[in-house]
Amino acid sequence: IELEGRRIIDRTVSLFREIFRQTILVTNEPLEYADLDIEIVVDLIPKSGSLIGIYTGLFYASYPHCFVTASDMPFINKNVIDYIVSMKEQYDVVIPHLQDGYHPLFARYSKRCMGFIEKLVDDDKLKITNLFKQVKVREVLPKDVSLLDPSMKSFFNLNTPEDLEKARELL
């Protein structure tokens, strides 16, 4: 999806190159993104869901912690990411917990989560929040995020044509 003539994924990749030494795209449609100069991997477990995408990214990551985001978030704020990834490494998950709930696809995960994710997959419990009961979680609260992103646009994602129209208005 494009906004102002640029794909959202290209915006995200460009931002991630500024912040991180490694960027991995987990997708089951790798040919759609062959033009990106990043690591592209396919889900390791033949079930669908974001939890498996997180697991796959952690598996291929060269570092003990990974920042994870969805590819349909056009307004990601670098300062919010920097804040999340700066949290002490003792936490397995650092996640925004805002008025509308957790944002598991805008969070930092530790490789220590992998065994817990495997167990959840084996038990067919693929909801990401199931993981939070089993690992050390650090919640990032609305007051912390609003100092860095007062509009909270970082958490806006595109699910419908109406969302795309709203994103164009927010530019």
C-alpha atoms as a PDB file:
ATOM      1  CA  ILE A   1       0.000   0.000   0.000  1.00  0.00           C
ATOM      2  CA  GLU A   2       1.283   3.443  -0.921  1.00  0.00           C
ATOM      3  CA  LEU A   3       0.936   6.784   0.809  1.00  0.00           C
ATOM      4  CA  GLU A   4       2.165   9.863  -1.006  1.00  0.00           C
ATOM      5  CA  GLY A   5       3.619   7.654  -3.732  1.00  0.00           C
ATOM      6  CA  ARG A   6       5.714   5.511  -1.370  1.00  0.00           C
ATOM      7  CA  ARG A   7       4.955   2.026  -0.078  1.00  0.00           C
ATOM      8  CA  ILE A   8       4.514   1.748   3.688  1.00  0.00           C
ATOM      9  CA  ILE A   9       6.993  -1.140   3.769  1.00  0.00           C
ATOM     10  CA  ASP A  10       9.619   1.106   2.124  1.00  0.00           C
ATOM     11  CA  ARG A  11       9.043   3.756   4.799  1.00  0.00           C
ATOM     12  CA  THR A  12       9.458   1.157   7.529  1.00  0.00           C
ATOM     13  CA  VAL A  13      12.588  -0.385   6.017  1.00  0.00           C
ATOM     14  CA  SER A  14      14.157   3.052   5.610  1.00  0.00           C
ATOM     15  CA  LEU A  15      13.458   3.915   9.257  1.00  0.00           C
ATOM     16  CA  PHE A  16      14.706   0.549  10.494  1.00  0.00           C
ATOM     17  CA  ARG A  17      17.973   1.009   8.606  1.00  0.00           C
ATOM     18  CA  GLU A  18      18.525   4.187  10.629  1.00  0.00           C
ATOM     19  CA  ILE A  19      17.907   2.403  13.923  1.00  0.00           C
ATOM     20  CA  PHE A  20      18.927  -1.246  13.604  1.00  0.00           C
ATOM     21  CA  ARG A  21      21.864  -3.256  12.264  1.00  0.00           C
ATOM     22  CA  GLN A  22      19.586  -6.040  11.053  1.00  0.00           C
ATOM     23  CA  THR A  23      16.135  -5.917   9.487  1.00  0.00           C
ATOM     24  CA  ILE A  24      14.179  -9.083   8.797  1.00  0.00           C
ATOM     25  CA  LEU A  25      10.894  -9.265   6.938  1.00  0.00           C
ATOM     26  CA  VAL A  26       8.801 -12.309   7.779  1.00  0.00           C
ATOM     27  CA  THR A  27       6.315 -13.018   5.018  1.00  0.00           C
ATOM     28  CA  ASN A  28       4.709 -15.927   3.258  1.00  0.00           C
ATOM     29  CA  GLU A  29       4.880 -13.950  -0.008  1.00  0.00           C
ATOM     30  CA  PRO A  30       8.645 -13.304  -0.344  1.00  0.00           C
ATOM     31  CA  LEU A  31       8.547 -12.543  -4.071  1.00  0.00           C
ATOM     32  CA  GLU A  32       6.345  -9.507  -3.423  1.00  0.00           C
ATOM     33  CA  TYR A  33       9.248  -7.922  -1.539  1.00  0.00           C
ATOM     34  CA  ALA A  34      12.201  -9.136  -3.586  1.00  0.00           C
ATOM     35  CA  ASP A  35      13.083  -5.520  -4.429  1.00  0.00           C
ATOM     36  CA  LEU A  36      13.874  -4.768  -0.774  1.00  0.00           C
ATOM     37  CA  ASP A  37      17.502  -5.043   0.247  1.00  0.00           C
ATOM     38  CA  ILE A  38      16.806  -6.831   3.542  1.00  0.00           C
ATOM     39  CA  GLU A  39      16.614 -10.362   4.850  1.00  0.00           C
ATOM     40  CA  ILE A  40      13.339 -11.955   3.824  1.00  0.00           C
ATOM     41  CA  VAL A  41      12.241 -15.168   5.529  1.00  0.00           C
ATOM     42  CA  VAL A  42       9.157 -17.378   5.464  1.00  0.00           C
ATOM     43  CA  ASP A  43       7.349 -18.630   8.560  1.00  0.00           C
ATOM     44  CA  LEU A  44       9.084 -21.660  10.040  1.00  0.00           C
ATOM     45  CA  ILE A  45       5.902 -23.250  11.327  1.00  0.00           C
ATOM     46  CA  PRO A  46       3.133 -24.098   8.858  1.00  0.00           C
ATOM     47  CA  LYS A  47       0.361 -22.446  10.839  1.00  0.00           C
ATOM     48  CA  SER A  48      -0.714 -18.890  10.293  1.00  0.00           C
ATOM     49  CA  GLY A  49      -0.607 -16.036  12.731  1.00  0.00           C
ATOM     50  CA  SER A  50       1.475 -13.195  14.036  1.00  0.00           C
ATOM     51  CA  LEU A  51       2.852 -15.259  16.927  1.00  0.00           C
ATOM     52  CA  ILE A  52       4.535 -17.543  14.401  1.00  0.00           C
ATOM     53  CA  GLY A  53       5.884 -14.513  12.558  1.00  0.00           C
ATOM     54  CA  ILE A  54       7.427 -13.281  15.797  1.00  0.00           C
ATOM     55  CA  TYR A  55       8.917 -16.723  16.438  1.00  0.00           C
ATOM     56  CA  THR A  56      10.393 -16.842  12.925  1.00  0.00           C
ATOM     57  CA  GLY A  57      11.914 -13.378  13.255  1.00  0.00           C
ATOM     58  CA  LEU A  58      13.471 -14.298  16.596  1.00  0.00           C
ATOM     59  CA  PHE A  59      14.867 -17.508  15.110  1.00  0.00           C
ATOM     60  CA  TYR A  60      16.658 -15.672  12.306  1.00  0.00           C
ATOM     61  CA  ALA A  61      17.752 -12.696  14.407  1.00  0.00           C
ATOM     62  CA  SER A  62      21.430 -12.234  15.113  1.00  0.00           C
ATOM     63  CA  TYR A  63      20.701 -10.373  18.340  1.00  0.00           C
ATOM     64  CA  PRO A  64      19.086 -11.406  21.646  1.00  0.00           C
ATOM     65  CA  HIS A  65      16.224  -8.906  21.332  1.00  0.00           C
ATOM     66  CA  CYS A  66      14.102  -7.860  18.364  1.00  0.00           C
ATOM     67  CA  PHE A  67      11.756  -4.982  17.774  1.00  0.00           C
ATOM     68  CA  VAL A  68       8.690  -6.289  15.956  1.00  0.00           C
ATOM     69  CA  THR A  69       6.170  -4.306  13.986  1.00  0.00           C
ATOM     70  CA  ALA A  70       3.483  -4.904  11.405  1.00  0.00           C
ATOM     71  CA  SER A  71       3.963  -3.813   7.827  1.00  0.00           C
ATOM     72  CA  ASP A  72       0.707  -1.849   7.730  1.00  0.00           C
ATOM     73  CA  MET A  73       1.708   0.918  10.160  1.00  0.00           C
ATOM     74  CA  PRO A  74       2.498   4.074   8.169  1.00  0.00           C
ATOM     75  CA  PHE A  75       3.330   6.484  11.004  1.00  0.00           C
ATOM     76  CA  ILE A  76       5.926   4.664  13.081  1.00  0.00           C
ATOM     77  CA  ASN A  77       7.773   7.091  15.339  1.00  0.00           C
ATOM     78  CA  LYS A  78      11.516   6.569  15.788  1.00  0.00           C
ATOM     79  CA  ASN A  79      11.484   8.067  19.291  1.00  0.00           C
ATOM     80  CA  VAL A  80       8.901   5.553  20.498  1.00  0.00           C
ATOM     81  CA  ILE A  81      10.944   2.672  19.071  1.00  0.00           C
ATOM     82  CA  ASP A  82      14.119   4.035  20.685  1.00  0.00           C
ATOM     83  CA  TYR A  83      12.331   4.218  24.031  1.00  0.00           C
ATOM     84  CA  ILE A  84      11.016   0.646  23.781  1.00  0.00           C
ATOM     85  CA  VAL A  85      14.344  -0.863  22.751  1.00  0.00           C
ATOM     86  CA  SER A  86      16.196   1.080  25.467  1.00  0.00           C
ATOM     87  CA  MET A  87      14.437  -0.818  28.271  1.00  0.00           C
ATOM     88  CA  LYS A  88      16.584  -3.090  30.392  1.00  0.00           C
ATOM     89  CA  GLU A  89      17.336  -6.409  28.776  1.00  0.00           C
ATOM     90  CA  GLN A  90      15.965  -8.308  31.786  1.00  0.00           C
ATOM     91  CA  TYR A  91      12.509  -8.104  30.188  1.00  0.00           C
ATOM     92  CA  ASP A  92      11.390 -10.713  27.682  1.00  0.00           C
ATOM     93  CA  VAL A  93       8.752  -8.435  26.202  1.00  0.00           C
ATOM     94  CA  VAL A  94       8.533  -4.646  26.251  1.00  0.00           C
ATOM     95  CA  ILE A  95       5.124  -3.658  24.962  1.00  0.00           C
ATOM     96  CA  PRO A  96       2.901  -0.597  24.815  1.00  0.00           C
ATOM     97  CA  HIS A  97      -0.235  -1.070  26.879  1.00  0.00           C
ATOM     98  CA  LEU A  98      -2.473   1.782  25.839  1.00  0.00           C
ATOM     99  CA  GLN A  99      -6.130   2.659  26.385  1.00  0.00           C
ATOM    100  CA  ASP A 100      -7.143   0.263  23.616  1.00  0.00           C
ATOM    101  CA  GLY A 101      -5.022  -2.602  24.974  1.00  0.00           C
ATOM    102  CA  TYR A 102      -1.685  -4.182  24.159  1.00  0.00           C
ATOM    103  CA  HIS A 103       0.149  -3.505  20.903  1.00  0.00           C
ATOM    104  CA  PRO A 104       1.989  -6.798  20.350  1.00  0.00           C
ATOM    105  CA  LEU A 105       3.057  -5.819  16.843  1.00  0.00           C
ATOM    106  CA  PHE A 106       4.909  -2.765  18.084  1.00  0.00           C
ATOM    107  CA  ALA A 107       7.043  -4.322  20.789  1.00  0.00           C
ATOM    108  CA  ARG A 108      10.439  -5.751  21.685  1.00  0.00           C
ATOM    109  CA  TYR A 109      10.805  -9.505  22.177  1.00  0.00           C
ATOM    110  CA  SER A 110      13.656 -11.564  23.579  1.00  0.00           C
ATOM    111  CA  LYS A 111      14.884 -14.815  22.083  1.00  0.00           C
ATOM    112  CA  ARG A 112      14.068 -16.254  25.531  1.00  0.00           C
ATOM    113  CA  CYS A 113      10.431 -16.214  24.364  1.00  0.00           C
ATOM    114  CA  MET A 114      11.028 -18.850  21.713  1.00  0.00           C
ATOM    115  CA  GLY A 115      10.522 -21.925  23.908  1.00  0.00           C
ATOM    116  CA  PHE A 116       7.333 -20.470  25.346  1.00  0.00           C
ATOM    117  CA  ILE A 117       6.068 -19.699  21.837  1.00  0.00           C
ATOM    118  CA  GLU A 118       6.820 -23.261  20.717  1.00  0.00           C
ATOM    119  CA  LYS A 119       4.721 -24.586  23.597  1.00  0.00           C
ATOM    120  CA  LEU A 120       1.869 -22.214  22.763  1.00  0.00           C
ATOM    121  CA  VAL A 121       1.970 -23.332  19.120  1.00  0.00           C
ATOM    122  CA  ASP A 122       1.966 -27.004  20.196  1.00  0.00           C
ATOM    123  CA  ASP A 123      -1.095 -26.260  22.341  1.00  0.00           C
ATOM    124  CA  ASP A 124      -2.693 -24.328  19.420  1.00  0.00           C
ATOM    125  CA  LYS A 125      -2.864 -21.164  21.532  1.00  0.00           C
ATOM    126  CA  LEU A 126      -1.766 -18.671  18.888  1.00  0.00           C
ATOM    127  CA  LYS A 127      -2.942 -15.438  20.493  1.00  0.00           C
ATOM    128  CA  ILE A 128       0.163 -13.337  21.188  1.00  0.00           C
ATOM    129  CA  THR A 129      -1.108 -12.181  24.574  1.00  0.00           C
ATOM    130  CA  ASN A 130      -1.000 -15.798  25.802  1.00  0.00           C
ATOM    131  CA  LEU A 131       2.777 -15.389  25.839  1.00  0.00           C
ATOM    132  CA  PHE A 132       2.663 -12.511  28.333  1.00  0.00           C
ATOM    133  CA  LYS A 133       1.505 -14.743  31.191  1.00  0.00           C
ATOM    134  CA  GLN A 134       4.681 -16.821  30.894  1.00  0.00           C
ATOM    135  CA  VAL A 135       7.487 -14.279  30.468  1.00  0.00           C
ATOM    136  CA  LYS A 136       8.784 -11.072  32.055  1.00  0.00           C
ATOM    137  CA  VAL A 137       6.803  -8.206  30.573  1.00  0.00           C
ATOM    138  CA  ARG A 138       7.492  -4.492  30.851  1.00  0.00           C
ATOM    139  CA  GLU A 139       4.469  -2.418  29.914  1.00  0.00           C
ATOM    140  CA  VAL A 140       4.978   0.965  28.292  1.00  0.00           C
ATOM    141  CA  LEU A 141       2.131   3.181  29.473  1.00  0.00           C
ATOM    142  CA  PRO A 142       0.198   5.847  27.552  1.00  0.00           C
ATOM    143  CA  LYS A 143       1.802   8.661  29.551  1.00  0.00           C
ATOM    144  CA  ASP A 144       5.262   7.488  28.440  1.00  0.00           C
ATOM    145  CA  VAL A 145       4.300   7.120  24.785  1.00  0.00           C
ATOM    146  CA  SER A 146       2.417  10.424  24.615  1.00  0.00           C
ATOM    147  CA  LEU A 147       5.560  12.345  25.550  1.00  0.00           C
ATOM    148  CA  LEU A 148       7.271  10.919  22.454  1.00  0.00           C
ATOM    149  CA  ASP A 149       4.310  10.690  20.093  1.00  0.00           C
ATOM    150  CA  PRO A 150       1.562  13.050  21.324  1.00  0.00           C
ATOM    151  CA  SER A 151      -0.757  12.104  18.450  1.00  0.00           C
ATOM    152  CA  MET A 152      -0.193   8.354  19.130  1.00  0.00           C
ATOM    153  CA  LYS A 153      -0.100   7.885  15.340  1.00  0.00           C
ATOM    154  CA  SER A 154       2.628   5.256  15.715  1.00  0.00           C
ATOM    155  CA  PHE A 155      -0.084   2.742  16.557  1.00  0.00           C
ATOM    156  CA  PHE A 156      -2.330   3.488  13.604  1.00  0.00           C
ATOM    157  CA  ASN A 157      -2.581   0.580  11.203  1.00  0.00           C
ATOM    158  CA  LEU A 158      -4.425  -0.030   7.971  1.00  0.00           C
ATOM    159  CA  ASN A 159      -7.077  -2.736   8.003  1.00  0.00           C
ATOM    160  CA  THR A 160      -9.749  -1.276   5.746  1.00  0.00           C
ATOM    161  CA  PRO A 161     -10.117   1.124   2.800  1.00  0.00           C
ATOM    162  CA  GLU A 162     -11.498   3.625   5.326  1.00  0.00           C
ATOM    163  CA  ASP A 163      -8.265   3.350   7.336  1.00  0.00           C
ATOM    164  CA  LEU A 164      -6.297   4.149   4.192  1.00  0.00           C
ATOM    165  CA  GLU A 165      -8.438   7.236   3.614  1.00  0.00           C
ATOM    166  CA  LYS A 166      -7.911   8.320   7.224  1.00  0.00           C
ATOM    167  CA  ALA A 167      -4.138   7.803   6.851  1.00  0.00           C
ATOM    168  CA  ARG A 168      -4.125  10.102   3.840  1.00  0.00           C
ATOM    169  CA  GLU A 169      -5.910  12.731   5.936  1.00  0.00           C
ATOM    170  CA  LEU A 170      -3.347  12.354   8.729  1.00  0.00           C
ATOM    171  CA  LEU A 171      -0.367  13.056   6.441  1.00  0.00           C
END
